[in-house]
Each structure stands twice: as structure tokens, then as C-alpha cells.
N, C-alpha and C. Protein backbone atom coordinates (compact mmCIF):
# COMPACT_ATOMS: atom_id res chain seq x y z
N MET A 1 187.03 100.37 119.56
CA MET A 1 187.52 99.59 118.43
C MET A 1 188.42 98.54 118.89
N SER A 2 187.96 97.16 119.20
CA SER A 2 188.92 96.36 119.89
C SER A 2 189.08 94.84 119.12
N GLU A 3 188.31 94.93 117.83
CA GLU A 3 188.61 93.58 116.97
C GLU A 3 190.21 93.57 116.57
N THR A 4 190.59 92.58 116.12
CA THR A 4 191.86 92.36 115.62
C THR A 4 191.77 92.36 114.21
N ILE A 5 192.63 93.25 113.38
CA ILE A 5 192.63 93.18 112.02
C ILE A 5 193.92 92.93 111.64
N LEU A 6 194.00 92.57 110.29
CA LEU A 6 195.39 91.85 109.77
C LEU A 6 196.01 92.62 108.63
N GLY A 7 196.95 92.29 108.29
CA GLY A 7 197.65 92.53 106.98
C GLY A 7 198.01 94.21 107.09
N PHE A 8 197.90 94.40 106.01
CA PHE A 8 198.43 96.28 105.81
C PHE A 8 197.26 96.97 106.42
N ASP A 9 196.20 96.60 106.49
CA ASP A 9 195.08 97.24 107.66
C ASP A 9 195.83 97.62 108.84
N ALA A 10 196.04 96.56 109.47
CA ALA A 10 196.75 96.61 110.96
C ALA A 10 197.89 97.44 110.68
N LEU A 11 198.49 97.16 109.60
CA LEU A 11 200.19 98.01 109.67
C LEU A 11 199.86 99.35 109.21
N ILE A 12 199.19 99.87 108.64
CA ILE A 12 198.54 101.31 108.32
C ILE A 12 198.00 101.82 109.72
N GLU A 13 196.98 101.21 110.51
CA GLU A 13 196.32 101.90 111.41
C GLU A 13 197.50 101.94 112.59
N ALA A 14 198.51 101.04 112.71
CA ALA A 14 199.35 101.22 113.82
C ALA A 14 200.38 102.42 113.32
N PHE A 15 200.98 102.24 112.10
CA PHE A 15 201.71 103.50 111.78
C PHE A 15 201.27 104.72 111.95
N THR A 16 199.89 104.92 111.57
CA THR A 16 199.18 106.22 111.75
C THR A 16 199.23 106.61 113.35
N ILE A 17 199.16 105.67 114.12
CA ILE A 17 199.01 105.80 115.43
C ILE A 17 200.37 106.30 115.95
N PHE A 18 201.42 105.59 115.47
CA PHE A 18 202.84 106.08 115.70
C PHE A 18 203.41 107.37 115.44
N LYS A 19 202.76 107.52 114.26
CA LYS A 19 202.98 108.99 113.43
C LYS A 19 202.66 110.17 114.44
N LYS A 20 201.57 109.95 115.27
CA LYS A 20 200.97 111.15 115.73
C LYS A 20 201.99 111.47 117.01
N TYR A 21 203.06 110.47 117.42
CA TYR A 21 203.90 111.03 118.57
C TYR A 21 205.17 111.11 118.07
N GLU A 22 205.69 110.68 116.71
CA GLU A 22 206.92 111.02 116.15
C GLU A 22 207.11 110.65 114.97
N ASN A 23 207.94 111.47 114.21
CA ASN A 23 208.28 111.06 112.81
C ASN A 23 209.71 110.98 112.56
N PRO A 24 210.25 109.87 112.83
CA PRO A 24 211.87 109.70 112.82
C PRO A 24 212.25 109.37 111.31
N HIS A 25 213.48 109.81 111.04
CA HIS A 25 213.94 109.75 109.62
C HIS A 25 214.06 108.34 109.29
N SER A 26 214.33 107.48 110.19
CA SER A 26 214.62 106.01 109.76
C SER A 26 213.50 105.37 111.06
N PRO A 27 212.20 105.22 110.82
CA PRO A 27 211.22 104.80 111.87
C PRO A 27 211.49 103.32 112.15
N THR A 28 211.71 102.55 111.45
CA THR A 28 211.81 101.00 111.74
C THR A 28 213.15 100.12 111.48
N HIS A 29 213.12 99.08 111.88
CA HIS A 29 214.35 98.34 111.68
C HIS A 29 213.98 96.77 112.02
N CYS A 30 214.49 95.89 111.43
CA CYS A 30 214.14 94.61 111.87
C CYS A 30 215.34 93.91 112.49
N GLU A 31 215.24 93.04 113.58
CA GLU A 31 216.35 92.16 114.11
C GLU A 31 215.79 90.86 114.14
N HIS A 32 216.33 89.71 114.03
CA HIS A 32 215.89 88.21 114.21
C HIS A 32 214.51 88.29 114.13
N ASP A 33 213.84 88.47 113.23
CA ASP A 33 212.52 88.41 112.73
C ASP A 33 211.57 89.13 113.31
N VAL A 34 212.08 90.14 114.11
CA VAL A 34 211.36 91.20 115.29
C VAL A 34 211.33 92.39 114.43
N MET A 35 210.11 93.24 114.04
CA MET A 35 210.01 94.71 113.42
C MET A 35 210.00 95.52 114.92
N TYR A 36 210.97 96.47 114.92
CA TYR A 36 211.07 97.49 115.74
C TYR A 36 210.65 98.80 115.23
N VAL A 37 209.69 99.64 115.78
CA VAL A 37 209.23 101.07 115.74
C VAL A 37 209.92 102.13 116.43
N CYS A 38 210.75 102.95 116.00
CA CYS A 38 211.43 103.77 116.68
C CYS A 38 210.56 104.89 117.53
N VAL A 39 209.86 104.78 118.25
CA VAL A 39 208.72 105.54 118.87
C VAL A 39 208.79 105.48 120.50
N GLU A 40 209.01 106.39 121.23
CA GLU A 40 209.31 106.14 122.84
C GLU A 40 208.02 105.64 123.46
N PRO A 41 207.83 104.58 124.15
CA PRO A 41 206.69 104.30 124.62
C PRO A 41 206.29 105.34 125.70
N GLU A 42 206.98 106.00 126.49
CA GLU A 42 206.49 106.94 127.52
C GLU A 42 205.66 107.93 126.73
N LYS A 43 205.85 108.35 125.46
CA LYS A 43 205.16 109.61 124.96
C LYS A 43 203.83 108.96 124.36
N VAL A 44 203.49 107.63 124.23
CA VAL A 44 202.13 107.29 123.80
C VAL A 44 201.17 107.11 124.87
N SER A 45 199.82 107.56 124.72
CA SER A 45 199.00 107.38 125.51
C SER A 45 198.48 106.04 125.89
N ASP A 46 197.94 105.78 126.93
CA ASP A 46 197.30 104.48 127.51
C ASP A 46 196.50 103.76 126.43
N GLU A 47 195.71 104.41 125.87
CA GLU A 47 194.51 104.10 124.96
C GLU A 47 195.25 103.49 123.80
N ASP A 48 196.16 104.48 123.23
CA ASP A 48 196.92 104.03 121.85
C ASP A 48 197.80 102.88 122.13
N LYS A 49 198.44 102.47 123.43
CA LYS A 49 199.09 101.47 123.64
C LYS A 49 198.34 100.33 123.61
N ALA A 50 197.20 100.45 124.00
CA ALA A 50 196.19 99.16 124.16
C ALA A 50 195.70 98.99 122.98
N ARG A 51 195.32 99.91 121.87
CA ARG A 51 195.12 99.63 120.63
C ARG A 51 196.19 99.16 119.69
N LEU A 52 197.37 99.45 119.94
CA LEU A 52 198.75 98.91 119.38
C LEU A 52 198.69 97.48 119.81
N LYS A 53 198.60 97.21 120.97
CA LYS A 53 198.61 95.90 121.25
C LYS A 53 197.96 94.86 120.58
N VAL A 54 196.67 95.43 120.35
CA VAL A 54 195.44 94.48 119.69
C VAL A 54 196.36 94.43 118.16
N LEU A 55 196.94 95.45 117.69
CA LEU A 55 197.51 95.56 116.16
C LEU A 55 198.78 94.69 116.21
N GLY A 56 199.42 94.37 117.26
CA GLY A 56 200.26 93.50 117.19
C GLY A 56 201.88 94.16 117.67
N PHE A 57 201.78 95.28 118.62
CA PHE A 57 203.03 96.13 118.84
C PHE A 57 202.89 96.05 120.17
N SER A 58 204.11 95.92 120.99
CA SER A 58 204.31 96.12 122.24
C SER A 58 205.42 96.87 122.64
N PRO A 59 205.60 97.68 123.70
CA PRO A 59 206.89 98.46 124.17
C PRO A 59 207.83 97.13 124.40
N SER A 60 209.03 97.52 123.62
CA SER A 60 209.89 96.48 123.56
C SER A 60 210.59 96.57 124.88
N GLY A 61 211.01 95.60 125.29
CA GLY A 61 211.90 95.15 126.26
C GLY A 61 213.53 95.04 125.81
N ASP A 62 213.67 94.64 124.62
CA ASP A 62 215.22 94.32 124.35
C ASP A 62 215.61 95.69 123.59
N VAL A 63 214.85 96.46 123.08
CA VAL A 63 215.14 97.86 122.57
C VAL A 63 214.82 99.16 123.17
N PRO A 64 215.41 99.79 123.88
CA PRO A 64 214.76 100.91 124.58
C PRO A 64 214.48 101.72 123.45
N GLU A 65 213.04 102.65 124.00
CA GLU A 65 212.84 103.71 123.28
C GLU A 65 212.18 103.15 121.80
N SER A 66 211.35 101.98 122.03
CA SER A 66 210.61 101.70 120.71
C SER A 66 209.47 100.43 120.88
N PHE A 67 208.71 100.12 120.16
CA PHE A 67 207.72 99.31 120.28
C PHE A 67 208.47 98.08 119.29
N SER A 68 207.84 96.77 119.58
CA SER A 68 208.41 95.81 118.77
C SER A 68 207.07 94.87 118.17
N SER A 69 207.18 94.32 117.17
CA SER A 69 206.29 93.31 116.71
C SER A 69 206.82 92.02 116.08
N PHE A 70 206.51 90.72 116.62
CA PHE A 70 206.91 89.51 115.84
C PHE A 70 205.94 89.52 114.82
N ARG A 71 204.78 89.76 114.74
CA ARG A 71 203.77 89.60 113.80
C ARG A 71 204.40 90.47 112.39
N PHE A 72 204.99 91.48 112.34
CA PHE A 72 205.60 92.03 111.14
C PHE A 72 206.88 91.85 111.20
N GLY A 73 207.67 91.07 111.80
CA GLY A 73 208.79 90.78 111.56
C GLY A 73 209.53 90.39 110.07
N SER A 74 210.58 90.29 109.87
CA SER A 74 211.40 89.82 108.57
C SER A 74 211.00 88.39 108.07
N ALA A 75 210.28 87.67 108.99
CA ALA A 75 209.99 86.02 108.64
C ALA A 75 209.32 85.91 107.52
């Protein structure tokens, strides 16, 4: 499945993927209109990383051990 989905559908699918790898007490935070998800990219399969990219999440270069999304930030 490679089509882009939007809104709650994309967010729910992304969170479902993230939950397979970790379920932290405080799983997200926002900084400067960017949403961060506290899941270590090294633990996520390449297939899931590719799907997460379509959904708007990429490994963060700014905050170690997390994914980030400009699509789901606080703006």
C-alpha cells in the first residue's frame, strides 16, 4: 500500500506502526511546529520506515531516538 492517506487515518496508521516497536509513557511531543514520536528508528523495519515516510514521519535528525513530522506539528 503506497498511496498517501491524510488526517486521522494517516495518524492512526502511523501510531499503530510505532506501537509495534515501543509504547512509551509519553510517546509524543511538539517543538517549533514539529511533532516528535519517541520511538528509536533503529528498531523499526525498513518496510515500516518506508510506510511511515508516506504517512509523513521520518527519523529525526534534530531529536535523537525519535521520528518527526511537519505534517502533524502544532501549526
